[in-house]
Amino acid sequence: MQMIQQGTTFHLSITGLRVKPGLLNRIRFQYHAVRSYRQAQKADGLLHVAVRRVNGVEHTVTAWRDREAMLAFVRSGRHLRAMKVFHHIATGATFGFTTDHLPDWQDIHALWKERGVAYRRG
């Protein structure tokens, strides 16, 4: 993982998921989340990755060299497998934008609520 240098613009992706009720859904979510996180940590073009629960929403924030690097990650490996089962275990939204700074967690959650685009089953 590279470091974000001050003054550098990058693509920031914010995802928020609410796990559907039930122990099995929580277990399946954790299974896919951990594997996707590990994949992200090794992904080409990743500058930053962090996860946190805010107001009951499981957030992942990633910063990428550019949008193309993010899309390459999203469309591959364990993350792709997780997306294929997502609608069974959670609901949520995501969005991304170009920026030059990492927002704090309260701003991340507020941005997600305001601008997140709900997932639709493919």
PDB file of N, CA and C in Angstrom:
ATOM      1  N   MET A   1       0.848  -1.171   0.000  1.00  0.00           N
ATOM      2  CA  MET A   1       0.000   0.000   0.000  1.00  0.00           C
ATOM      3  C   MET A   1       0.898   1.240   0.000  1.00  0.00           C
ATOM      4  N   GLN A   2       0.599   2.160  -0.887  1.00  0.00           N
ATOM      5  CA  GLN A   2       1.336   3.411  -0.967  1.00  0.00           C
ATOM      6  C   GLN A   2       0.815   4.376   0.094  1.00  0.00           C
ATOM      7  N   MET A   3       1.492   5.485   0.254  1.00  0.00           N
ATOM      8  CA  MET A   3       1.048   6.513   1.191  1.00  0.00           C
ATOM      9  C   MET A   3       0.458   7.679   0.411  1.00  0.00           C
ATOM     10  N   ILE A   4      -0.481   8.390   1.027  1.00  0.00           N
ATOM     11  CA  ILE A   4      -1.052   9.578   0.410  1.00  0.00           C
ATOM     12  C   ILE A   4      -0.149  10.760   0.741  1.00  0.00           C
ATOM     13  N   GLN A   5       0.347  11.413  -0.288  1.00  0.00           N
ATOM     14  CA  GLN A   5       1.191  12.580  -0.084  1.00  0.00           C
ATOM     15  C   GLN A   5       0.321  13.831  -0.081  1.00  0.00           C
ATOM     16  N   GLN A   6       0.645  14.737   0.804  1.00  0.00           N
ATOM     17  CA  GLN A   6      -0.116  15.979   0.928  1.00  0.00           C
ATOM     18  C   GLN A   6      -0.183  16.699  -0.416  1.00  0.00           C
ATOM     19  N   GLY A   7      -1.379  17.171  -0.763  1.00  0.00           N
ATOM     20  CA  GLY A   7      -1.575  17.901  -2.003  1.00  0.00           C
ATOM     21  C   GLY A   7      -1.885  17.009  -3.201  1.00  0.00           C
ATOM     22  N   THR A   8      -1.857  15.704  -3.008  1.00  0.00           N
ATOM     23  CA  THR A   8      -2.133  14.763  -4.088  1.00  0.00           C
ATOM     24  C   THR A   8      -3.633  14.501  -4.172  1.00  0.00           C
ATOM     25  N   THR A   9      -4.181  14.499  -5.371  1.00  0.00           N
ATOM     26  CA  THR A   9      -5.580  14.116  -5.522  1.00  0.00           C
ATOM     27  C   THR A   9      -5.648  12.613  -5.732  1.00  0.00           C
ATOM     28  N   PHE A  10      -6.753  12.028  -5.301  1.00  0.00           N
ATOM     29  CA  PHE A  10      -6.952  10.588  -5.395  1.00  0.00           C
ATOM     30  C   PHE A  10      -8.441  10.297  -5.465  1.00  0.00           C
ATOM     31  N   HIS A  11      -8.771   9.056  -5.803  1.00  0.00           N
ATOM     32  CA  HIS A  11     -10.169   8.626  -5.859  1.00  0.00           C
ATOM     33  C   HIS A  11     -10.520   8.015  -4.510  1.00  0.00           C
ATOM     34  N   LEU A  12     -11.532   8.558  -3.865  1.00  0.00           N
ATOM     35  CA  LEU A  12     -11.987   8.052  -2.572  1.00  0.00           C
ATOM     36  C   LEU A  12     -13.293   7.295  -2.778  1.00  0.00           C
ATOM     37  N   SER A  13     -13.366   6.095  -2.241  1.00  0.00           N
ATOM     38  CA  SER A  13     -14.568   5.276  -2.333  1.00  0.00           C
ATOM     39  C   SER A  13     -15.099   5.034  -0.928  1.00  0.00           C
ATOM     40  N   ILE A  14     -16.388   5.299  -0.745  1.00  0.00           N
ATOM     41  CA  ILE A  14     -17.046   5.094   0.554  1.00  0.00           C
ATOM     42  C   ILE A  14     -18.180   4.099   0.360  1.00  0.00           C
ATOM     43  N   THR A  15     -18.132   3.022   1.126  1.00  0.00           N
ATOM     44  CA  THR A  15     -19.180   2.006   1.101  1.00  0.00           C
ATOM     45  C   THR A  15     -19.774   1.898   2.496  1.00  0.00           C
ATOM     46  N   GLY A  16     -21.073   1.718   2.569  1.00  0.00           N
ATOM     47  CA  GLY A  16     -21.750   1.485   3.835  1.00  0.00           C
ATOM     48  C   GLY A  16     -22.739   0.353   3.673  1.00  0.00           C
ATOM     49  N   LEU A  17     -22.650  -0.629   4.558  1.00  0.00           N
ATOM     50  CA  LEU A  17     -23.513  -1.803   4.483  1.00  0.00           C
ATOM     51  C   LEU A  17     -24.202  -2.042   5.821  1.00  0.00           C
ATOM     52  N   ARG A  18     -25.452  -2.454   5.739  1.00  0.00           N
ATOM     53  CA  ARG A  18     -26.192  -2.901   6.921  1.00  0.00           C
ATOM     54  C   ARG A  18     -26.441  -4.392   6.750  1.00  0.00           C
ATOM     55  N   VAL A  19     -25.911  -5.170   7.663  1.00  0.00           N
ATOM     56  CA  VAL A  19     -26.078  -6.619   7.595  1.00  0.00           C
ATOM     57  C   VAL A  19     -27.517  -6.961   7.946  1.00  0.00           C
ATOM     58  N   LYS A  20     -28.106  -7.834   7.145  1.00  0.00           N
ATOM     59  CA  LYS A  20     -29.473  -8.275   7.422  1.00  0.00           C
ATOM     60  C   LYS A  20     -29.498  -9.060   8.721  1.00  0.00           C
ATOM     61  N   PRO A  21     -30.653  -9.091   9.408  1.00  0.00           N
ATOM     62  CA  PRO A  21     -30.739  -9.794  10.686  1.00  0.00           C
ATOM     63  C   PRO A  21     -30.371 -11.271  10.564  1.00  0.00           C
ATOM     64  N   GLY A  22     -29.807 -11.793  11.640  1.00  0.00           N
ATOM     65  CA  GLY A  22     -29.501 -13.217  11.708  1.00  0.00           C
ATOM     66  C   GLY A  22     -28.012 -13.490  11.857  1.00  0.00           C
ATOM     67  N   LEU A  23     -27.709 -14.457  12.685  1.00  0.00           N
ATOM     68  CA  LEU A  23     -26.327 -14.834  12.948  1.00  0.00           C
ATOM     69  C   LEU A  23     -25.623 -15.317  11.680  1.00  0.00           C
ATOM     70  N   LEU A  24     -26.314 -16.097  10.871  1.00  0.00           N
ATOM     71  CA  LEU A  24     -25.692 -16.608   9.643  1.00  0.00           C
ATOM     72  C   LEU A  24     -25.299 -15.466   8.705  1.00  0.00           C
ATOM     73  N   ASN A  25     -26.144 -14.453   8.603  1.00  0.00           N
ATOM     74  CA  ASN A  25     -25.803 -13.295   7.764  1.00  0.00           C
ATOM     75  C   ASN A  25     -24.574 -12.570   8.303  1.00  0.00           C
ATOM     76  N   ARG A  26     -24.473 -12.417   9.618  1.00  0.00           N
ATOM     77  CA  ARG A  26     -23.319 -11.756  10.235  1.00  0.00           C
ATOM     78  C   ARG A  26     -22.041 -12.560   9.960  1.00  0.00           C
ATOM     79  N   ILE A  27     -22.140 -13.869  10.088  1.00  0.00           N
ATOM     80  CA  ILE A  27     -20.971 -14.723   9.836  1.00  0.00           C
ATOM     81  C   ILE A  27     -20.543 -14.639   8.373  1.00  0.00           C
ATOM     82  N   ARG A  28     -21.493 -14.716   7.469  1.00  0.00           N
ATOM     83  CA  ARG A  28     -21.169 -14.631   6.038  1.00  0.00           C
ATOM     84  C   ARG A  28     -20.592 -13.259   5.687  1.00  0.00           C
ATOM     85  N   PHE A  29     -21.169 -12.220   6.288  1.00  0.00           N
ATOM     86  CA  PHE A  29     -20.634 -10.879   6.052  1.00  0.00           C
ATOM     87  C   PHE A  29     -19.173 -10.800   6.496  1.00  0.00           C
ATOM     88  N   GLN A  30     -18.882 -11.255   7.708  1.00  0.00           N
ATOM     89  CA  GLN A  30     -17.513 -11.199   8.224  1.00  0.00           C
ATOM     90  C   GLN A  30     -16.554 -12.004   7.352  1.00  0.00           C
ATOM     91  N   TYR A  31     -16.998 -13.168   6.905  1.00  0.00           N
ATOM     92  CA  TYR A  31     -16.184 -14.022   6.040  1.00  0.00           C
ATOM     93  C   TYR A  31     -15.758 -13.249   4.791  1.00  0.00           C
ATOM     94  N   HIS A  32     -16.707 -12.655   4.108  1.00  0.00           N
ATOM     95  CA  HIS A  32     -16.405 -11.927   2.873  1.00  0.00           C
ATOM     96  C   HIS A  32     -15.685 -10.609   3.152  1.00  0.00           C
ATOM     97  N   ALA A  33     -16.038  -9.930   4.234  1.00  0.00           N
ATOM     98  CA  ALA A  33     -15.413  -8.639   4.549  1.00  0.00           C
ATOM     99  C   ALA A  33     -13.920  -8.796   4.825  1.00  0.00           C
ATOM    100  N   VAL A  34     -13.559  -9.788   5.602  1.00  0.00           N
ATOM    101  CA  VAL A  34     -12.148 -10.001   5.937  1.00  0.00           C
ATOM    102  C   VAL A  34     -11.347 -10.329   4.685  1.00  0.00           C
ATOM    103  N   ARG A  35     -11.867 -11.181   3.851  1.00  0.00           N
ATOM    104  CA  ARG A  35     -11.146 -11.557   2.632  1.00  0.00           C
ATOM    105  C   ARG A  35     -11.040 -10.387   1.645  1.00  0.00           C
ATOM    106  N   SER A  36     -12.108  -9.600   1.528  1.00  0.00           N
ATOM    107  CA  SER A  36     -12.057  -8.423   0.653  1.00  0.00           C
ATOM    108  C   SER A  36     -11.063  -7.396   1.182  1.00  0.00           C
ATOM    109  N   TYR A  37     -11.024  -7.223   2.485  1.00  0.00           N
ATOM    110  CA  TYR A  37     -10.090  -6.284   3.104  1.00  0.00           C
ATOM    111  C   TYR A  37      -8.650  -6.695   2.824  1.00  0.00           C
ATOM    112  N   ARG A  38      -8.364  -7.975   2.990  1.00  0.00           N
ATOM    113  CA  ARG A  38      -7.009  -8.470   2.713  1.00  0.00           C
ATOM    114  C   ARG A  38      -6.636  -8.285   1.245  1.00  0.00           C
ATOM    115  N   GLN A  39      -7.593  -8.521   0.353  1.00  0.00           N
ATOM    116  CA  GLN A  39      -7.342  -8.300  -1.069  1.00  0.00           C
ATOM    117  C   GLN A  39      -7.035  -6.821  -1.317  1.00  0.00           C
ATOM    118  N   ALA A  40      -7.817  -5.942  -0.707  1.00  0.00           N
ATOM    119  CA  ALA A  40      -7.618  -4.500  -0.895  1.00  0.00           C
ATOM    120  C   ALA A  40      -6.227  -4.071  -0.439  1.00  0.00           C
ATOM    121  N   GLN A  41      -5.788  -4.594   0.695  1.00  0.00           N
ATOM    122  CA  GLN A  41      -4.478  -4.203   1.232  1.00  0.00           C
ATOM    123  C   GLN A  41      -3.349  -4.470   0.240  1.00  0.00           C
ATOM    124  N   LYS A  42      -3.521  -5.446  -0.619  1.00  0.00           N
ATOM    125  CA  LYS A  42      -2.473  -5.821  -1.579  1.00  0.00           C
ATOM    126  C   LYS A  42      -2.728  -5.275  -2.983  1.00  0.00           C
ATOM    127  N   ALA A  43      -3.827  -4.564  -3.175  1.00  0.00           N
ATOM    128  CA  ALA A  43      -4.233  -4.134  -4.513  1.00  0.00           C
ATOM    129  C   ALA A  43      -3.319  -3.040  -5.067  1.00  0.00           C
ATOM    130  N   ASP A  44      -3.047  -3.138  -6.345  1.00  0.00           N
ATOM    131  CA  ASP A  44      -2.268  -2.124  -7.030  1.00  0.00           C
ATOM    132  C   ASP A  44      -3.033  -0.799  -7.033  1.00  0.00           C
ATOM    133  N   GLY A  45      -2.368   0.260  -6.652  1.00  0.00           N
ATOM    134  CA  GLY A  45      -2.980   1.583  -6.676  1.00  0.00           C
ATOM    135  C   GLY A  45      -3.668   1.990  -5.392  1.00  0.00           C
ATOM    136  N   LEU A  46      -3.711   1.098  -4.387  1.00  0.00           N
ATOM    137  CA  LEU A  46      -4.346   1.450  -3.116  1.00  0.00           C
ATOM    138  C   LEU A  46      -3.441   2.371  -2.312  1.00  0.00           C
ATOM    139  N   LEU A  47      -4.020   3.457  -1.806  1.00  0.00           N
ATOM    140  CA  LEU A  47      -3.286   4.407  -0.972  1.00  0.00           C
ATOM    141  C   LEU A  47      -3.682   4.310   0.497  1.00  0.00           C
ATOM    142  N   HIS A  48      -4.935   3.902   0.751  1.00  0.00           N
ATOM    143  CA  HIS A  48      -5.451   3.873   2.126  1.00  0.00           C
ATOM    144  C   HIS A  48      -6.684   2.981   2.168  1.00  0.00           C
ATOM    145  N   VAL A  49      -6.836   2.206   3.247  1.00  0.00           N
ATOM    146  CA  VAL A  49      -8.053   1.441   3.485  1.00  0.00           C
ATOM    147  C   VAL A  49      -8.346   1.466   4.985  1.00  0.00           C
ATOM    148  N   ALA A  50      -9.613   1.664   5.325  1.00  0.00           N
ATOM    149  CA  ALA A  50     -10.026   1.657   6.724  1.00  0.00           C
ATOM    150  C   ALA A  50     -11.477   1.182   6.803  1.00  0.00           C
ATOM    151  N   VAL A  51     -11.799   0.533   7.915  1.00  0.00           N
ATOM    152  CA  VAL A  51     -13.163   0.066   8.156  1.00  0.00           C
ATOM    153  C   VAL A  51     -13.587   0.494   9.553  1.00  0.00           C
ATOM    154  N   ARG A  52     -14.888   0.757   9.686  1.00  0.00           N
ATOM    155  CA  ARG A  52     -15.427   1.135  10.993  1.00  0.00           C
ATOM    156  C   ARG A  52     -16.945   1.083  10.938  1.00  0.00           C
ATOM    157  N   ARG A  53     -17.550   0.711  12.046  1.00  0.00           N
ATOM    158  CA  ARG A  53     -19.006   0.764  12.174  1.00  0.00           C
ATOM    159  C   ARG A  53     -19.381   2.135  12.725  1.00  0.00           C
ATOM    160  N   VAL A  54     -20.266   2.826  11.999  1.00  0.00           N
ATOM    161  CA  VAL A  54     -20.758   4.131  12.426  1.00  0.00           C
ATOM    162  C   VAL A  54     -22.279   4.084  12.389  1.00  0.00           C
ATOM    163  N   ASN A  55     -22.907   4.299  13.533  1.00  0.00           N
ATOM    164  CA  ASN A  55     -24.376   4.283  13.638  1.00  0.00           C
ATOM    165  C   ASN A  55     -24.981   3.022  13.031  1.00  0.00           C
ATOM    166  N   GLY A  56     -24.365   1.883  13.300  1.00  0.00           N
ATOM    167  CA  GLY A  56     -24.886   0.599  12.825  1.00  0.00           C
ATOM    168  C   GLY A  56     -24.585   0.275  11.376  1.00  0.00           C
ATOM    169  N   VAL A  57     -23.818   1.115  10.708  1.00  0.00           N
ATOM    170  CA  VAL A  57     -23.460   0.905   9.299  1.00  0.00           C
ATOM    171  C   VAL A  57     -21.994   0.493   9.229  1.00  0.00           C
ATOM    172  N   GLU A  58     -21.732  -0.611   8.544  1.00  0.00           N
ATOM    173  CA  GLU A  58     -20.366  -1.106   8.349  1.00  0.00           C
ATOM    174  C   GLU A  58     -19.748  -0.352   7.172  1.00  0.00           C
ATOM    175  N   HIS A  59     -18.832   0.558   7.471  1.00  0.00           N
ATOM    176  CA  HIS A  59     -18.216   1.386   6.429  1.00  0.00           C
ATOM    177  C   HIS A  59     -16.835   0.867   6.049  1.00  0.00           C
ATOM    178  N   THR A  60     -16.554   0.954   4.761  1.00  0.00           N
ATOM    179  CA  THR A  60     -15.205   0.764   4.237  1.00  0.00           C
ATOM    180  C   THR A  60     -14.864   2.011   3.436  1.00  0.00           C
ATOM    181  N   VAL A  61     -13.689   2.552   3.687  1.00  0.00           N
ATOM    182  CA  VAL A  61     -13.206   3.719   2.970  1.00  0.00           C
ATOM    183  C   VAL A  61     -11.872   3.339   2.338  1.00  0.00           C
ATOM    184  N   THR A  62     -11.788   3.535   1.032  1.00  0.00           N
ATOM    185  CA  THR A  62     -10.536   3.263   0.332  1.00  0.00           C
ATOM    186  C   THR A  62     -10.150   4.482  -0.493  1.00  0.00           C
ATOM    187  N   ALA A  63      -8.862   4.736  -0.537  1.00  0.00           N
ATOM    188  CA  ALA A  63      -8.322   5.800  -1.376  1.00  0.00           C
ATOM    189  C   ALA A  63      -7.421   5.131  -2.414  1.00  0.00           C
ATOM    190  N   TRP A  64      -7.606   5.547  -3.662  1.00  0.00           N
ATOM    191  CA  TRP A  64      -6.920   4.914  -4.793  1.00  0.00           C
ATOM    192  C   TRP A  64      -6.163   5.940  -5.609  1.00  0.00           C
ATOM    193  N   ARG A  65      -5.110   5.504  -6.245  1.00  0.00           N
ATOM    194  CA  ARG A  65      -4.325   6.344  -7.148  1.00  0.00           C
ATOM    195  C   ARG A  65      -5.250   7.008  -8.168  1.00  0.00           C
ATOM    196  N   ASP A  66      -6.223   6.227  -8.677  1.00  0.00           N
ATOM    197  CA  ASP A  66      -7.193   6.738  -9.635  1.00  0.00           C
ATOM    198  C   ASP A  66      -8.401   5.795  -9.674  1.00  0.00           C
ATOM    199  N   ARG A  67      -9.439   6.223 -10.359  1.00  0.00           N
ATOM    200  CA  ARG A  67     -10.678   5.445 -10.434  1.00  0.00           C
ATOM    201  C   ARG A  67     -10.450   4.094 -11.103  1.00  0.00           C
ATOM    202  N   GLU A  68      -9.578   4.045 -12.089  1.00  0.00           N
ATOM    203  CA  GLU A  68      -9.307   2.806 -12.807  1.00  0.00           C
ATOM    204  C   GLU A  68      -8.716   1.743 -11.881  1.00  0.00           C
ATOM    205  N   ALA A  69      -7.831   2.135 -10.980  1.00  0.00           N
ATOM    206  CA  ALA A  69      -7.261   1.186 -10.014  1.00  0.00           C
ATOM    207  C   ALA A  69      -8.358   0.640  -9.108  1.00  0.00           C
ATOM    208  N   MET A  70      -9.269   1.509  -8.675  1.00  0.00           N
ATOM    209  CA  MET A  70     -10.379   1.071  -7.829  1.00  0.00           C
ATOM    210  C   MET A  70     -11.262   0.081  -8.583  1.00  0.00           C
ATOM    211  N   LEU A  71     -11.593   0.387  -9.833  1.00  0.00           N
ATOM    212  CA  LEU A  71     -12.454  -0.501 -10.613  1.00  0.00           C
ATOM    213  C   LEU A  71     -11.797  -1.858 -10.857  1.00  0.00           C
ATOM    214  N   ALA A  72     -10.495  -1.879 -11.067  1.00  0.00           N
ATOM    215  CA  ALA A  72      -9.790  -3.152 -11.251  1.00  0.00           C
ATOM    216  C   ALA A  72      -9.937  -4.021 -10.006  1.00  0.00           C
ATOM    217  N   PHE A  73      -9.827  -3.417  -8.830  1.00  0.00           N
ATOM    218  CA  PHE A  73     -10.019  -4.150  -7.577  1.00  0.00           C
ATOM    219  C   PHE A  73     -11.457  -4.641  -7.448  1.00  0.00           C
ATOM    220  N   VAL A  74     -12.416  -3.763  -7.648  1.00  0.00           N
ATOM    221  CA  VAL A  74     -13.832  -4.082  -7.468  1.00  0.00           C
ATOM    222  C   VAL A  74     -14.253  -5.267  -8.330  1.00  0.00           C
ATOM    223  N   ARG A  75     -13.687  -5.359  -9.502  1.00  0.00           N
ATOM    224  CA  ARG A  75     -14.097  -6.365 -10.485  1.00  0.00           C
ATOM    225  C   ARG A  75     -13.258  -7.635 -10.456  1.00  0.00           C
ATOM    226  N   SER A  76     -12.574  -7.881  -9.337  1.00  0.00           N
ATOM    227  CA  SER A  76     -11.691  -9.045  -9.307  1.00  0.00           C
ATOM    228  C   SER A  76     -11.731  -9.781  -7.975  1.00  0.00           C
ATOM    229  N   GLY A  77     -11.286 -11.007  -8.013  1.00  0.00           N
ATOM    230  CA  GLY A  77     -10.983 -11.794  -6.831  1.00  0.00           C
ATOM    231  C   GLY A  77     -12.083 -11.918  -5.799  1.00  0.00           C
ATOM    232  N   ARG A  78     -11.650 -11.859  -4.564  1.00  0.00           N
ATOM    233  CA  ARG A  78     -12.560 -12.076  -3.434  1.00  0.00           C
ATOM    234  C   ARG A  78     -13.615 -10.984  -3.331  1.00  0.00           C
ATOM    235  N   HIS A  79     -13.269  -9.769  -3.707  1.00  0.00           N
ATOM    236  CA  HIS A  79     -14.263  -8.696  -3.667  1.00  0.00           C
ATOM    237  C   HIS A  79     -15.395  -8.975  -4.647  1.00  0.00           C
ATOM    238  N   LEU A  80     -15.072  -9.429  -5.825  1.00  0.00           N
ATOM    239  CA  LEU A  80     -16.102  -9.769  -6.808  1.00  0.00           C
ATOM    240  C   LEU A  80     -16.999 -10.886  -6.278  1.00  0.00           C
ATOM    241  N   ARG A  81     -16.395 -11.903  -5.652  1.00  0.00           N
ATOM    242  CA  ARG A  81     -17.202 -12.990  -5.063  1.00  0.00           C
ATOM    243  C   ARG A  81     -18.124 -12.450  -3.976  1.00  0.00           C
ATOM    244  N   ALA A  82     -17.629 -11.530  -3.161  1.00  0.00           N
ATOM    245  CA  ALA A  82     -18.451 -10.937  -2.102  1.00  0.00           C
ATOM    246  C   ALA A  82     -19.626 -10.166  -2.692  1.00  0.00           C
ATOM    247  N   MET A  83     -19.374  -9.426  -3.767  1.00  0.00           N
ATOM    248  CA  MET A  83     -20.456  -8.656  -4.386  1.00  0.00           C
ATOM    249  C   MET A  83     -21.548  -9.576  -4.930  1.00  0.00           C
ATOM    250  N   LYS A  84     -21.189 -10.754  -5.371  1.00  0.00           N
ATOM    251  CA  LYS A  84     -22.172 -11.673  -5.936  1.00  0.00           C
ATOM    252  C   LYS A  84     -23.136 -12.224  -4.893  1.00  0.00           C
ATOM    253  N   VAL A  85     -22.733 -12.256  -3.624  1.00  0.00           N
ATOM    254  CA  VAL A  85     -23.618 -12.766  -2.563  1.00  0.00           C
ATOM    255  C   VAL A  85     -24.173 -11.651  -1.688  1.00  0.00           C
ATOM    256  N   PHE A  86     -23.717 -10.444  -1.939  1.00  0.00           N
ATOM    257  CA  PHE A  86     -24.078  -9.312  -1.101  1.00  0.00           C
ATOM    258  C   PHE A  86     -25.576  -9.185  -0.850  1.00  0.00           C
ATOM    259  N   HIS A  87     -26.391  -9.268  -1.897  1.00  0.00           N
ATOM    260  CA  HIS A  87     -27.836  -9.023  -1.744  1.00  0.00           C
ATOM    261  C   HIS A  87     -28.506 -10.028  -0.812  1.00  0.00           C
ATOM    262  N   HIS A  88     -27.865 -11.157  -0.564  1.00  0.00           N
ATOM    263  CA  HIS A  88     -28.423 -12.150   0.358  1.00  0.00           C
ATOM    264  C   HIS A  88     -28.177 -11.772   1.825  1.00  0.00           C
ATOM    265  N   ILE A  89     -27.115 -11.032   2.085  1.00  0.00           N
ATOM    266  CA  ILE A  89     -26.685 -10.837   3.472  1.00  0.00           C
ATOM    267  C   ILE A  89     -26.715  -9.395   3.972  1.00  0.00           C
ATOM    268  N   ALA A  90     -26.873  -8.422   3.057  1.00  0.00           N
ATOM    269  CA  ALA A  90     -26.799  -7.026   3.496  1.00  0.00           C
ATOM    270  C   ALA A  90     -27.524  -6.107   2.513  1.00  0.00           C
ATOM    271  N   THR A  91     -27.725  -4.879   2.957  1.00  0.00           N
ATOM    272  CA  THR A  91     -28.193  -3.803   2.089  1.00  0.00           C
ATOM    273  C   THR A  91     -27.159  -2.694   2.194  1.00  0.00           C
ATOM    274  N   GLY A  92     -27.115  -1.814   1.218  1.00  0.00           N
ATOM    275  CA  GLY A  92     -26.133  -0.757   1.337  1.00  0.00           C
ATOM    276  C   GLY A  92     -26.031   0.125   0.124  1.00  0.00           C
ATOM    277  N   ALA A  93     -25.062   1.019   0.210  1.00  0.00           N
ATOM    278  CA  ALA A  93     -24.827   1.996  -0.844  1.00  0.00           C
ATOM    279  C   ALA A  93     -23.346   2.315  -0.899  1.00  0.00           C
ATOM    280  N   THR A  94     -22.944   2.895  -2.016  1.00  0.00           N
ATOM    281  CA  THR A  94     -21.553   3.279  -2.197  1.00  0.00           C
ATOM    282  C   THR A  94     -21.468   4.488  -3.115  1.00  0.00           C
ATOM    283  N   PHE A  95     -20.360   5.155  -3.079  1.00  0.00           N
ATOM    284  CA  PHE A  95     -20.075   6.207  -4.047  1.00  0.00           C
ATOM    285  C   PHE A  95     -18.607   6.562  -3.960  1.00  0.00           C
ATOM    286  N   GLY A  96     -18.122   7.234  -4.980  1.00  0.00           N
ATOM    287  CA  GLY A  96     -16.735   7.643  -5.002  1.00  0.00           C
ATOM    288  C   GLY A  96     -16.590   9.012  -5.637  1.00  0.00           C
ATOM    289  N   PHE A  97     -15.474   9.659  -5.347  1.00  0.00           N
ATOM    290  CA  PHE A  97     -15.217  10.980  -5.883  1.00  0.00           C
ATOM    291  C   PHE A  97     -13.727  11.297  -5.772  1.00  0.00           C
ATOM    292  N   THR A  98     -13.296  12.280  -6.524  1.00  0.00           N
ATOM    293  CA  THR A  98     -11.909  12.727  -6.473  1.00  0.00           C
ATOM    294  C   THR A  98     -11.781  13.792  -5.391  1.00  0.00           C
ATOM    295  N   THR A  99     -10.724  13.682  -4.609  1.00  0.00           N
ATOM    296  CA  THR A  99     -10.496  14.623  -3.511  1.00  0.00           C
ATOM    297  C   THR A  99      -8.998  14.719  -3.232  1.00  0.00           C
ATOM    298  N   ASP A 100      -8.634  15.600  -2.307  1.00  0.00           N
ATOM    299  CA  ASP A 100      -7.236  15.699  -1.901  1.00  0.00           C
ATOM    300  C   ASP A 100      -7.067  15.521  -0.392  1.00  0.00           C
ATOM    301  N   HIS A 101      -8.141  15.048   0.285  1.00  0.00           N
ATOM    302  CA  HIS A 101      -8.010  14.795   1.718  1.00  0.00           C
ATOM    303  C   HIS A 101      -8.951  13.670   2.153  1.00  0.00           C
ATOM    304  N   LEU A 102      -8.577  13.014   3.248  1.00  0.00           N
ATOM    305  CA  LEU A 102      -9.419  11.973   3.838  1.00  0.00           C
ATOM    306  C   LEU A 102     -10.349  12.608   4.864  1.00  0.00           C
ATOM    307  N   PRO A 103     -11.661  12.462   4.692  1.00  0.00           N
ATOM    308  CA  PRO A 103     -12.588  13.003   5.689  1.00  0.00           C
ATOM    309  C   PRO A 103     -12.546  12.168   6.972  1.00  0.00           C
ATOM    310  N   ASP A 104     -13.017  12.760   8.072  1.00  0.00           N
ATOM    311  CA  ASP A 104     -13.102  11.986   9.316  1.00  0.00           C
ATOM    312  C   ASP A 104     -14.344  11.090   9.275  1.00  0.00           C
ATOM    313  N   TRP A 105     -14.470  10.203  10.262  1.00  0.00           N
ATOM    314  CA  TRP A 105     -15.533   9.186  10.214  1.00  0.00           C
ATOM    315  C   TRP A 105     -16.935   9.761  10.252  1.00  0.00           C
ATOM    316  N   GLN A 106     -17.161  10.812  11.002  1.00  0.00           N
ATOM    317  CA  GLN A 106     -18.500  11.409  11.031  1.00  0.00           C
ATOM    318  C   GLN A 106     -18.845  12.014   9.671  1.00  0.00           C
ATOM    319  N   ASP A 107     -17.867  12.645   9.027  1.00  0.00           N
ATOM    320  CA  ASP A 107     -18.097  13.191   7.685  1.00  0.00           C
ATOM    321  C   ASP A 107     -18.297  12.073   6.666  1.00  0.00           C
ATOM    322  N   ILE A 108     -17.549  10.988   6.824  1.00  0.00           N
ATOM    323  CA  ILE A 108     -17.711   9.832   5.928  1.00  0.00           C
ATOM    324  C   ILE A 108     -19.146   9.326   5.991  1.00  0.00           C
ATOM    325  N   HIS A 109     -19.654   9.147   7.199  1.00  0.00           N
ATOM    326  CA  HIS A 109     -21.021   8.639   7.361  1.00  0.00           C
ATOM    327  C   HIS A 109     -22.041   9.629   6.787  1.00  0.00           C
ATOM    328  N   ALA A 110     -21.841  10.914   7.051  1.00  0.00           N
ATOM    329  CA  ALA A 110     -22.767  11.938   6.533  1.00  0.00           C
ATOM    330  C   ALA A 110     -22.732  11.991   5.007  1.00  0.00           C
ATOM    331  N   LEU A 111     -21.553  11.930   4.421  1.00  0.00           N
ATOM    332  CA  LEU A 111     -21.432  11.914   2.962  1.00  0.00           C
ATOM    333  C   LEU A 111     -22.126  10.693   2.379  1.00  0.00           C
ATOM    334  N   TRP A 112     -21.927   9.546   3.008  1.00  0.00           N
ATOM    335  CA  TRP A 112     -22.550   8.300   2.547  1.00  0.00           C
ATOM    336  C   TRP A 112     -24.078   8.420   2.577  1.00  0.00           C
ATOM    337  N   LYS A 113     -24.622   8.952   3.656  1.00  0.00           N
ATOM    338  CA  LYS A 113     -26.079   9.111   3.754  1.00  0.00           C
ATOM    339  C   LYS A 113     -26.606  10.061   2.685  1.00  0.00           C
ATOM    340  N   GLU A 114     -25.856  11.107   2.408  1.00  0.00           N
ATOM    341  CA  GLU A 114     -26.293  12.129   1.462  1.00  0.00           C
ATOM    342  C   GLU A 114     -26.107  11.711   0.002  1.00  0.00           C
ATOM    343  N   ARG A 115     -24.996  11.057  -0.305  1.00  0.00           N
ATOM    344  CA  ARG A 115     -24.632  10.838  -1.705  1.00  0.00           C
ATOM    345  C   ARG A 115     -24.541   9.374  -2.127  1.00  0.00           C
ATOM    346  N   GLY A 116     -24.659   8.449  -1.186  1.00  0.00           N
ATOM    347  CA  GLY A 116     -24.527   7.037  -1.527  1.00  0.00           C
ATOM    348  C   GLY A 116     -25.612   6.560  -2.490  1.00  0.00           C
ATOM    349  N   VAL A 117     -25.213   5.737  -3.427  1.00  0.00           N
ATOM    350  CA  VAL A 117     -26.134   5.154  -4.408  1.00  0.00           C
ATOM    351  C   VAL A 117     -26.402   3.716  -3.984  1.00  0.00           C
ATOM    352  N   ALA A 118     -27.670   3.409  -3.749  1.00  0.00           N
ATOM    353  CA  ALA A 118     -28.044   2.080  -3.261  1.00  0.00           C
ATOM    354  C   ALA A 118     -27.682   1.007  -4.268  1.00  0.00           C
ATOM    355  N   TYR A 119     -27.198  -0.102  -3.726  1.00  0.00           N
ATOM    356  CA  TYR A 119     -26.919  -1.272  -4.566  1.00  0.00           C
ATOM    357  C   TYR A 119     -28.213  -1.815  -5.109  1.00  0.00           C
ATOM    358  N   ARG A 120     -28.151  -2.257  -6.332  1.00  0.00           N
ATOM    359  CA  ARG A 120     -29.288  -2.950  -6.927  1.00  0.00           C
ATOM    360  C   ARG A 120     -28.836  -4.339  -7.325  1.00  0.00           C
ATOM    361  N   ARG A 121     -29.705  -5.280  -7.180  1.00  0.00           N
ATOM    362  CA  ARG A 121     -29.361  -6.651  -7.551  1.00  0.00           C
ATOM    363  C   ARG A 121     -29.197  -6.713  -9.060  1.00  0.00           C
ATOM    364  N   GLY A 122     -28.010  -7.237  -9.482  1.00  0.00           N
ATOM    365  CA  GLY A 122     -27.644  -7.307 -10.877  1.00  0.00           C
ATOM    366  C   GLY A 122     -28.523  -8.149 -11.657  1.00  0.00           C
TER     367      GLY A 122
END
